[in-house]
């Protein structure tokens, strides 16, 4: 059963001669419980698809279904309980004057949860942060710790789908694998469905079951991770992307 179904999605910005078509006729399915990647060079439209799903891209058309929600111009409140997003930059995604307790407590309160204290402690435990982090502020946290708080915030409403926009690209290499392994464990534990944007093919290989390759706003190929590792590609751009990815080795793509 599909948890995310996208058909003929078009996203554009501006009008007339100033119009830029960021996504063109994108179509793909993500089964429930799966992790699906969107890869491509900068400007290929990957993140724009996530923003369209979340209602952050004002001009779009096509058919977008996430779970039971067939999406239109507005998103009902219930949608944001089931679909959450983790952004690329943990330094920008947290309010600098809000403590971890406030970040998580306000999210839980917004979605109508009770027993907030215990839920905050459970969320911190889920993302590998102890109770000592509860009353810290973002400037007191490392980049990896900030991203763990952002992941905890996304988990707070108990969603079914999490959209991941380059969740480790702003982090030091030394902590990237830790956060990716955390995300993989949370997916299994919470039965989550992931849609992940990344330019790093090793990350996609580690995290995803299948991926769509994007070029100039279009999906040029959808392939399984097994085919990607084996370099079994149909489109020349996909092979170019694999060949030109710095340090990509299909036999050593797994992240410990």
C-alpha atoms as a PDB file:
ATOM      1  CA  UNK A   1       0.000   0.000   0.000  1.00  0.00           C
ATOM      2  CA  UNK A   2       1.315   3.435  -0.978  1.00  0.00           C
ATOM      3  CA  UNK A   3       1.851   5.938   1.803  1.00  0.00           C
ATOM      4  CA  UNK A   4       2.900   8.664  -0.646  1.00  0.00           C
ATOM      5  CA  UNK A   5       1.564   8.845  -4.183  1.00  0.00           C
ATOM      6  CA  UNK A   6       2.671  11.637  -6.521  1.00  0.00           C
ATOM      7  CA  UNK A   7       1.306  11.918 -10.068  1.00  0.00           C
ATOM      8  CA  UNK A   8       2.266  14.555 -12.625  1.00  0.00           C
ATOM      9  CA  UNK A   9       3.428  17.088 -10.046  1.00  0.00           C
ATOM     10  CA  UNK A  10       4.435  20.462 -11.470  1.00  0.00           C
ATOM     11  CA  UNK A  11       5.843  23.272  -9.333  1.00  0.00           C
ATOM     12  CA  UNK A  12       6.763  26.699 -10.688  1.00  0.00           C
ATOM     13  CA  UNK A  13       7.728  30.142  -9.483  1.00  0.00           C
ATOM     14  CA  UNK A  14       6.875  33.450 -11.133  1.00  0.00           C
ATOM     15  CA  UNK A  15       4.714  34.179 -14.180  1.00  0.00           C
ATOM     16  CA  UNK A  16       5.169  34.906 -17.835  1.00  0.00           C
ATOM     17  CA  UNK A  17       8.733  35.424 -18.974  1.00  0.00           C
ATOM     18  CA  UNK A  18       9.906  35.223 -15.349  1.00  0.00           C
ATOM     19  CA  UNK A  19       8.377  31.796 -14.762  1.00  0.00           C
ATOM     20  CA  UNK A  20      10.745  29.066 -13.596  1.00  0.00           C
ATOM     21  CA  UNK A  21       9.523  25.467 -13.777  1.00  0.00           C
ATOM     22  CA  UNK A  22      11.173  23.855 -10.769  1.00  0.00           C
ATOM     23  CA  UNK A  23       9.444  20.441 -10.986  1.00  0.00           C
ATOM     24  CA  UNK A  24       7.963  18.973 -14.168  1.00  0.00           C
ATOM     25  CA  UNK A  25       5.548  16.031 -14.283  1.00  0.00           C
ATOM     26  CA  UNK A  26       7.092  14.177 -11.347  1.00  0.00           C
ATOM     27  CA  UNK A  27       5.477  10.843 -10.495  1.00  0.00           C
ATOM     28  CA  UNK A  28       6.447   8.208  -7.924  1.00  0.00           C
ATOM     29  CA  UNK A  29       5.052   6.004  -5.142  1.00  0.00           C
ATOM     30  CA  UNK A  30       6.436   5.309  -1.685  1.00  0.00           C
ATOM     31  CA  UNK A  31       5.062   2.165   0.000  1.00  0.00           C
ATOM     32  CA  UNK A  32       4.081   2.327   3.645  1.00  0.00           C
ATOM     33  CA  UNK A  33       7.122   1.774   5.845  1.00  0.00           C
ATOM     34  CA  UNK A  34       9.598   2.312   3.007  1.00  0.00           C
ATOM     35  CA  UNK A  35      12.347   4.872   2.613  1.00  0.00           C
ATOM     36  CA  UNK A  36      12.519   6.554  -0.799  1.00  0.00           C
ATOM     37  CA  UNK A  37      15.261   8.879  -1.997  1.00  0.00           C
ATOM     38  CA  UNK A  38      15.313  11.881  -4.301  1.00  0.00           C
ATOM     39  CA  UNK A  39      18.791  12.505  -5.697  1.00  0.00           C
ATOM     40  CA  UNK A  40      20.287  14.924  -8.188  1.00  0.00           C
ATOM     41  CA  UNK A  41      22.475  17.957  -8.469  1.00  0.00           C
ATOM     42  CA  UNK A  42      21.658  21.285  -6.807  1.00  0.00           C
ATOM     43  CA  UNK A  43      18.662  22.950  -8.433  1.00  0.00           C
ATOM     44  CA  UNK A  44      17.206  19.716  -9.786  1.00  0.00           C
ATOM     45  CA  UNK A  45      13.941  20.159  -7.856  1.00  0.00           C
ATOM     46  CA  UNK A  46      14.432  17.632  -5.060  1.00  0.00           C
ATOM     47  CA  UNK A  47      13.683  19.868  -2.085  1.00  0.00           C
ATOM     48  CA  UNK A  48      10.908  21.632  -3.997  1.00  0.00           C
ATOM     49  CA  UNK A  49       8.934  18.378  -4.036  1.00  0.00           C
ATOM     50  CA  UNK A  50       9.121  18.181  -0.241  1.00  0.00           C
ATOM     51  CA  UNK A  51       8.028  21.811   0.048  1.00  0.00           C
ATOM     52  CA  UNK A  52       5.078  21.186  -2.254  1.00  0.00           C
ATOM     53  CA  UNK A  53       3.958  18.270  -0.084  1.00  0.00           C
ATOM     54  CA  UNK A  54       4.172  20.433   3.047  1.00  0.00           C
ATOM     55  CA  UNK A  55       2.276  23.325   1.443  1.00  0.00           C
ATOM     56  CA  UNK A  56       5.347  25.572   1.279  1.00  0.00           C
ATOM     57  CA  UNK A  57       5.278  25.916  -2.524  1.00  0.00           C
ATOM     58  CA  UNK A  58       2.342  28.175  -3.460  1.00  0.00           C
ATOM     59  CA  UNK A  59       2.082  27.394  -7.182  1.00  0.00           C
ATOM     60  CA  UNK A  60       1.741  23.767  -8.183  1.00  0.00           C
ATOM     61  CA  UNK A  61      -0.624  21.289  -9.815  1.00  0.00           C
ATOM     62  CA  UNK A  62      -0.927  17.543 -10.094  1.00  0.00           C
ATOM     63  CA  UNK A  63      -2.158  14.784  -7.795  1.00  0.00           C
ATOM     64  CA  UNK A  64      -0.550  14.439  -4.365  1.00  0.00           C
ATOM     65  CA  UNK A  65      -1.841  11.856  -1.898  1.00  0.00           C
ATOM     66  CA  UNK A  66      -0.188  11.249   1.477  1.00  0.00           C
ATOM     67  CA  UNK A  67      -1.888   8.569   3.534  1.00  0.00           C
ATOM     68  CA  UNK A  68      -5.576   9.437   3.639  1.00  0.00           C
ATOM     69  CA  UNK A  69      -4.975  13.054   2.603  1.00  0.00           C
ATOM     70  CA  UNK A  70      -5.532  14.074  -1.006  1.00  0.00           C
ATOM     71  CA  UNK A  71      -3.804  17.419  -0.973  1.00  0.00           C
ATOM     72  CA  UNK A  72      -5.127  20.699  -2.299  1.00  0.00           C
ATOM     73  CA  UNK A  73      -4.186  24.289  -1.659  1.00  0.00           C
ATOM     74  CA  UNK A  74      -4.534  24.041   2.132  1.00  0.00           C
ATOM     75  CA  UNK A  75      -3.400  21.391   4.594  1.00  0.00           C
ATOM     76  CA  UNK A  76      -5.784  20.395   7.409  1.00  0.00           C
ATOM     77  CA  UNK A  77      -4.375  20.386  10.925  1.00  0.00           C
ATOM     78  CA  UNK A  78      -4.611  16.596  11.018  1.00  0.00           C
ATOM     79  CA  UNK A  79      -2.163  16.435   8.091  1.00  0.00           C
ATOM     80  CA  UNK A  80       0.626  17.962  10.193  1.00  0.00           C
ATOM     81  CA  UNK A  81       0.069  15.378  12.895  1.00  0.00           C
ATOM     82  CA  UNK A  82       0.777  12.598  10.399  1.00  0.00           C
ATOM     83  CA  UNK A  83       3.409  14.283   8.215  1.00  0.00           C
ATOM     84  CA  UNK A  84       6.477  16.050   9.578  1.00  0.00           C
ATOM     85  CA  UNK A  85       9.671  17.414   8.055  1.00  0.00           C
ATOM     86  CA  UNK A  86      13.297  17.611   9.186  1.00  0.00           C
ATOM     87  CA  UNK A  87      15.140  20.463   7.504  1.00  0.00           C
ATOM     88  CA  UNK A  88      18.728  20.620   6.326  1.00  0.00           C
ATOM     89  CA  UNK A  89      20.138  23.211   8.697  1.00  0.00           C
ATOM     90  CA  UNK A  90      19.816  22.446  12.425  1.00  0.00           C
ATOM     91  CA  UNK A  91      21.241  25.894  13.188  1.00  0.00           C
ATOM     92  CA  UNK A  92      18.315  27.648  11.481  1.00  0.00           C
ATOM     93  CA  UNK A  93      15.443  25.284  12.270  1.00  0.00           C
ATOM     94  CA  UNK A  94      15.420  25.841  16.053  1.00  0.00           C
ATOM     95  CA  UNK A  95      14.390  29.107  17.718  1.00  0.00           C
ATOM     96  CA  UNK A  96      17.524  30.481  19.415  1.00  0.00           C
ATOM     97  CA  UNK A  97      15.575  31.669  22.483  1.00  0.00           C
ATOM     98  CA  UNK A  98      13.576  28.484  23.019  1.00  0.00           C
ATOM     99  CA  UNK A  99      14.955  25.716  25.189  1.00  0.00           C
ATOM    100  CA  UNK A 100      14.683  22.088  24.142  1.00  0.00           C
ATOM    101  CA  UNK A 101      11.847  21.782  26.675  1.00  0.00           C
ATOM    102  CA  UNK A 102       9.957  24.623  24.981  1.00  0.00           C
ATOM    103  CA  UNK A 103      10.558  23.290  21.470  1.00  0.00           C
ATOM    104  CA  UNK A 104       9.169  19.850  22.301  1.00  0.00           C
ATOM    105  CA  UNK A 105       6.533  20.982  24.817  1.00  0.00           C
ATOM    106  CA  UNK A 106       4.972  23.509  22.453  1.00  0.00           C
ATOM    107  CA  UNK A 107       4.828  20.954  19.635  1.00  0.00           C
ATOM    108  CA  UNK A 108       3.137  18.387  21.879  1.00  0.00           C
ATOM    109  CA  UNK A 109       0.695  20.965  23.217  1.00  0.00           C
ATOM    110  CA  UNK A 110      -0.152  22.186  19.709  1.00  0.00           C
ATOM    111  CA  UNK A 111      -1.159  18.675  18.721  1.00  0.00           C
ATOM    112  CA  UNK A 112      -3.285  18.148  21.831  1.00  0.00           C
ATOM    113  CA  UNK A 113      -1.135  15.712  23.767  1.00  0.00           C
ATOM    114  CA  UNK A 114      -1.358  15.323  27.537  1.00  0.00           C
ATOM    115  CA  UNK A 115       1.274  14.080  29.966  1.00  0.00           C
ATOM    116  CA  UNK A 116       3.775  16.360  28.234  1.00  0.00           C
ATOM    117  CA  UNK A 117       6.586  15.926  30.771  1.00  0.00           C
ATOM    118  CA  UNK A 118       6.805  12.183  30.276  1.00  0.00           C
ATOM    119  CA  UNK A 119       6.492  12.539  26.511  1.00  0.00           C
ATOM    120  CA  UNK A 120       9.381  15.005  26.400  1.00  0.00           C
ATOM    121  CA  UNK A 121      11.580  12.603  28.340  1.00  0.00           C
ATOM    122  CA  UNK A 122      10.606   9.738  26.013  1.00  0.00           C
ATOM    123  CA  UNK A 123      11.399  11.838  22.921  1.00  0.00           C
ATOM    124  CA  UNK A 124      14.811  12.795  24.290  1.00  0.00           C
ATOM    125  CA  UNK A 125      15.520   9.140  25.035  1.00  0.00           C
ATOM    126  CA  UNK A 126      14.382   8.119  21.537  1.00  0.00           C
ATOM    127  CA  UNK A 127      16.929  10.417  19.887  1.00  0.00           C
ATOM    128  CA  UNK A 128      19.792   9.580  22.237  1.00  0.00           C
ATOM    129  CA  UNK A 129      19.746  12.715  24.379  1.00  0.00           C
ATOM    130  CA  UNK A 130      19.493  12.389  28.143  1.00  0.00           C
ATOM    131  CA  UNK A 131      17.467  14.471  30.610  1.00  0.00           C
ATOM    132  CA  UNK A 132      20.378  16.905  31.022  1.00  0.00           C
ATOM    133  CA  UNK A 133      19.594  18.313  27.561  1.00  0.00           C
ATOM    134  CA  UNK A 134      15.995  19.225  28.378  1.00  0.00           C
ATOM    135  CA  UNK A 135      16.598  22.795  29.495  1.00  0.00           C
ATOM    136  CA  UNK A 136      19.496  23.651  27.204  1.00  0.00           C
ATOM    137  CA  UNK A 137      19.260  26.238  24.447  1.00  0.00           C
ATOM    138  CA  UNK A 138      20.398  25.733  20.841  1.00  0.00           C
ATOM    139  CA  UNK A 139      23.649  27.650  21.357  1.00  0.00           C
ATOM    140  CA  UNK A 140      24.562  25.121  24.056  1.00  0.00           C
ATOM    141  CA  UNK A 141      24.249  22.200  21.623  1.00  0.00           C
ATOM    142  CA  UNK A 142      26.493  20.831  18.900  1.00  0.00           C
ATOM    143  CA  UNK A 143      25.223  20.537  15.344  1.00  0.00           C
ATOM    144  CA  UNK A 144      24.480  16.844  15.761  1.00  0.00           C
ATOM    145  CA  UNK A 145      22.636  17.464  19.026  1.00  0.00           C
ATOM    146  CA  UNK A 146      20.561  20.207  17.413  1.00  0.00           C
ATOM    147  CA  UNK A 147      19.571  17.877  14.608  1.00  0.00           C
ATOM    148  CA  UNK A 148      18.588  15.231  17.164  1.00  0.00           C
ATOM    149  CA  UNK A 149      16.296  17.828  18.778  1.00  0.00           C
ATOM    150  CA  UNK A 150      14.829  18.613  15.351  1.00  0.00           C
ATOM    151  CA  UNK A 151      14.210  14.901  14.811  1.00  0.00           C
ATOM    152  CA  UNK A 152      12.575  14.657  18.267  1.00  0.00           C
ATOM    153  CA  UNK A 153      10.320  17.580  17.345  1.00  0.00           C
ATOM    154  CA  UNK A 154       9.315  15.767  14.141  1.00  0.00           C
ATOM    155  CA  UNK A 155       8.559  12.612  16.157  1.00  0.00           C
ATOM    156  CA  UNK A 156       6.482  14.492  18.751  1.00  0.00           C
ATOM    157  CA  UNK A 157       3.087  14.327  16.968  1.00  0.00           C
ATOM    158  CA  UNK A 158       3.612  10.566  16.381  1.00  0.00           C
ATOM    159  CA  UNK A 159       3.634  10.932  12.572  1.00  0.00           C
ATOM    160  CA  UNK A 160       3.461   8.236   9.921  1.00  0.00           C
ATOM    161  CA  UNK A 161       5.585  10.080   7.357  1.00  0.00           C
ATOM    162  CA  UNK A 162       8.760  12.118   7.800  1.00  0.00           C
ATOM    163  CA  UNK A 163      10.238  14.180   4.984  1.00  0.00           C
ATOM    164  CA  UNK A 164      14.016  14.512   5.286  1.00  0.00           C
ATOM    165  CA  UNK A 165      15.692  17.384   3.448  1.00  0.00           C
ATOM    166  CA  UNK A 166      19.448  16.673   3.431  1.00  0.00           C
ATOM    167  CA  UNK A 167      19.278  15.909   7.179  1.00  0.00           C
ATOM    168  CA  UNK A 168      23.031  15.408   7.631  1.00  0.00           C
ATOM    169  CA  UNK A 169      24.654  17.618   4.981  1.00  0.00           C
ATOM    170  CA  UNK A 170      25.231  20.496   7.428  1.00  0.00           C
ATOM    171  CA  UNK A 171      26.862  18.223  10.024  1.00  0.00           C
ATOM    172  CA  UNK A 172      30.457  17.242  10.573  1.00  0.00           C
ATOM    173  CA  UNK A 173      31.383  14.000   8.840  1.00  0.00           C
ATOM    174  CA  UNK A 174      32.149  12.462  12.231  1.00  0.00           C
ATOM    175  CA  UNK A 175      28.502  12.698  13.343  1.00  0.00           C
ATOM    176  CA  UNK A 176      26.714  12.145  10.026  1.00  0.00           C
ATOM    177  CA  UNK A 177      26.739   8.355  10.340  1.00  0.00           C
ATOM    178  CA  UNK A 178      25.429   8.555  13.930  1.00  0.00           C
ATOM    179  CA  UNK A 179      22.417  10.620  12.861  1.00  0.00           C
ATOM    180  CA  UNK A 180      21.738   8.404   9.838  1.00  0.00           C
ATOM    181  CA  UNK A 181      21.851   5.274  11.980  1.00  0.00           C
ATOM    182  CA  UNK A 182      19.495   6.970  14.455  1.00  0.00           C
ATOM    183  CA  UNK A 183      17.047   7.731  11.639  1.00  0.00           C
ATOM    184  CA  UNK A 184      17.231   4.133  10.418  1.00  0.00           C
ATOM    185  CA  UNK A 185      16.536   2.804  13.932  1.00  0.00           C
ATOM    186  CA  UNK A 186      13.613   5.217  14.421  1.00  0.00           C
ATOM    187  CA  UNK A 187      12.083   4.153  11.131  1.00  0.00           C
ATOM    188  CA  UNK A 188      12.046   0.540  12.276  1.00  0.00           C
ATOM    189  CA  UNK A 189      10.891   1.339  15.816  1.00  0.00           C
ATOM    190  CA  UNK A 190       8.080   3.726  14.867  1.00  0.00           C
ATOM    191  CA  UNK A 191       7.087   2.094  11.522  1.00  0.00           C
ATOM    192  CA  UNK A 192       7.778   5.350   9.697  1.00  0.00           C
ATOM    193  CA  UNK A 193       7.779   6.121   5.994  1.00  0.00           C
ATOM    194  CA  UNK A 194      10.642   8.341   4.808  1.00  0.00           C
ATOM    195  CA  UNK A 195      11.000  10.545   1.764  1.00  0.00           C
ATOM    196  CA  UNK A 196      14.616  11.706   1.762  1.00  0.00           C
ATOM    197  CA  UNK A 197      16.382  14.328  -0.336  1.00  0.00           C
ATOM    198  CA  UNK A 198      20.137  13.953  -0.647  1.00  0.00           C
ATOM    199  CA  UNK A 199      22.971  14.678  -3.056  1.00  0.00           C
ATOM    200  CA  UNK A 200      25.092  12.011  -1.355  1.00  0.00           C
ATOM    201  CA  UNK A 201      24.659   8.626  -2.998  1.00  0.00           C
ATOM    202  CA  UNK A 202      26.307   6.779  -0.097  1.00  0.00           C
ATOM    203  CA  UNK A 203      23.664   8.262   2.231  1.00  0.00           C
ATOM    204  CA  UNK A 204      20.848   7.194  -0.091  1.00  0.00           C
ATOM    205  CA  UNK A 205      22.379   3.744  -0.426  1.00  0.00           C
ATOM    206  CA  UNK A 206      22.448   3.380   3.357  1.00  0.00           C
ATOM    207  CA  UNK A 207      18.996   4.792   4.074  1.00  0.00           C
ATOM    208  CA  UNK A 208      16.691   4.049   1.151  1.00  0.00           C
ATOM    209  CA  UNK A 209      15.045   1.114  -0.608  1.00  0.00           C
ATOM    210  CA  UNK A 210      14.698   2.925  -3.945  1.00  0.00           C
ATOM    211  CA  UNK A 211      15.447   6.344  -5.370  1.00  0.00           C
ATOM    212  CA  UNK A 212      14.329   8.750  -8.073  1.00  0.00           C
ATOM    213  CA  UNK A 213      17.045  10.566 -10.008  1.00  0.00           C
ATOM    214  CA  UNK A 214      16.207  14.167 -10.916  1.00  0.00           C
ATOM    215  CA  UNK A 215      17.671  16.449 -13.571  1.00  0.00           C
ATOM    216  CA  UNK A 216      16.409  19.939 -14.452  1.00  0.00           C
ATOM    217  CA  UNK A 217      13.176  19.395 -12.513  1.00  0.00           C
ATOM    218  CA  UNK A 218      12.336  16.046 -14.078  1.00  0.00           C
ATOM    219  CA  UNK A 219      12.591  12.508 -12.768  1.00  0.00           C
ATOM    220  CA  UNK A 220      14.742  10.758 -15.348  1.00  0.00           C
ATOM    221  CA  UNK A 221      14.900   7.350 -13.686  1.00  0.00           C
ATOM    222  CA  UNK A 222      13.609   5.409 -10.679  1.00  0.00           C
ATOM    223  CA  UNK A 223      15.754   2.508  -9.587  1.00  0.00           C
ATOM    224  CA  UNK A 224      16.218   0.183  -6.655  1.00  0.00           C
ATOM    225  CA  UNK A 225      19.208   0.623  -4.383  1.00  0.00           C
ATOM    226  CA  UNK A 226      20.455  -2.800  -5.472  1.00  0.00           C
ATOM    227  CA  UNK A 227      20.494  -1.654  -9.113  1.00  0.00           C
ATOM    228  CA  UNK A 228      22.161   1.613  -8.125  1.00  0.00           C
ATOM    229  CA  UNK A 229      24.935  -0.220  -6.295  1.00  0.00           C
ATOM    230  CA  UNK A 230      25.389  -2.549  -9.270  1.00  0.00           C
ATOM    231  CA  UNK A 231      25.466   0.437 -11.674  1.00  0.00           C
ATOM    232  CA  UNK A 232      22.458  -1.006 -13.527  1.00  0.00           C
ATOM    233  CA  UNK A 233      21.131   2.248 -14.917  1.00  0.00           C
ATOM    234  CA  UNK A 234      19.009   3.091 -17.960  1.00  0.00           C
ATOM    235  CA  UNK A 235      19.511   6.847 -18.259  1.00  0.00           C
ATOM    236  CA  UNK A 236      22.906   8.365 -19.141  1.00  0.00           C
ATOM    237  CA  UNK A 237      22.503  11.104 -16.532  1.00  0.00           C
ATOM    238  CA  UNK A 238      22.139   8.506 -13.785  1.00  0.00           C
ATOM    239  CA  UNK A 239      25.379   6.859 -14.863  1.00  0.00           C
ATOM    240  CA  UNK A 240      27.045  10.267 -15.037  1.00  0.00           C
ATOM    241  CA  UNK A 241      25.841  11.015 -11.503  1.00  0.00           C
ATOM    242  CA  UNK A 242      27.193   7.719 -10.223  1.00  0.00           C
ATOM    243  CA  UNK A 243      30.497   8.066 -12.061  1.00  0.00           C
ATOM    244  CA  UNK A 244      31.066  11.647 -10.999  1.00  0.00           C
ATOM    245  CA  UNK A 245      30.039  11.340  -7.359  1.00  0.00           C
ATOM    246  CA  UNK A 246      33.186  11.997  -5.397  1.00  0.00           C
ATOM    247  CA  UNK A 247      34.242   8.990  -3.389  1.00  0.00           C
ATOM    248  CA  UNK A 248      31.248   6.845  -4.354  1.00  0.00           C
ATOM    249  CA  UNK A 249      32.089   3.163  -4.322  1.00  0.00           C
ATOM    250  CA  UNK A 250      29.178   0.730  -4.878  1.00  0.00           C
ATOM    251  CA  UNK A 251      31.043  -1.990  -2.968  1.00  0.00           C
ATOM    252  CA  UNK A 252      31.656   0.247   0.054  1.00  0.00           C
ATOM    253  CA  UNK A 253      28.524   2.392   0.187  1.00  0.00           C
ATOM    254  CA  UNK A 254      27.331   1.028   3.487  1.00  0.00           C
ATOM    255  CA  UNK A 255      27.836   3.330   6.459  1.00  0.00           C
ATOM    256  CA  UNK A 256      28.885   1.466   9.604  1.00  0.00           C
END
